[in-house]
Amino acid sequence: MVNIIELNERQEKILGIVKQNGPITGESIAEILKVTRAALRPDLAVLTMSGFLEAKPRVGYTFKSGGVDNEIKRILNQYRVKDIQTKPVILKDNCSIYDAIVTLFIEDTGSIFVVGEDNYLAGIVSRKDFLKTTIGQADIHKVPVSVIMTRMPNVVTATLEETVVQAVRKIVEHEVDSLPVVRCFICEAGEEKYEVVGKITKTNIARLFLDLAGKRIEEV
């Protein structure tokens, strides 16, 4: 597991000095901190290599406002969807809305992935879909879940090898709570079919951030 860089007290002071006075030379930073230039070399090397500072010959050090963001992005890009995905909840498209709602609460999930007779992804149904249906006049004991689901190809998916950053971007851009993680197949008719192998949710992503922050949490 990759750990986010934790700066020591001196490194935090250096960042503050450069942010306020940059560009500034190493000698000037050492003078402000009342230490030798040699004593600062390891700290300046860490801050420069980590992207917090930029060093320019005959100019000095400048603060990189995007340094922290770049470091977070670098770390997250090392994680793939397969590293944080969890088990999906899957139902057949002929399942009744009533049974789907029961499953939703038993499994304590925000969405259910629906597959057809061939067991490939056919659609997705969410809590919001169920709420709108139960408020209406539909007979939830007789109407199949396929009637209210969002159908392929309108379902946003993720693959096992996508980075977490790519998955987060999809969740944000499409304003969804979760993505089915799929493997793609080409059927005999030449059409793309998707096998659901997992799910990635806002909760998975939040757990990853907590883990990277050094907190221990129980797995789902």
Foldseek 3Di string as FASTA:
>chain_A
DDAQDDDDPLLVVLLVCQAVDPPDALCVSCVVVVHDSVVCVVSVVVCCVQQQWPQDPPGHIHGDPCSVVVNVVVVQQVAFCLVQFAAAAEDEQQAFQVVVVVVCVVVVDFKYFYAYPVQFTFFIDGPVLSVVVVVDDDPRRHHTPNVRTGGPPVADAAERGHTPVVVVVVCVVVVHFKHFYWDWDQDPVRDITTHGDGMDGPVSVVVVVCVNVVDDDDDD
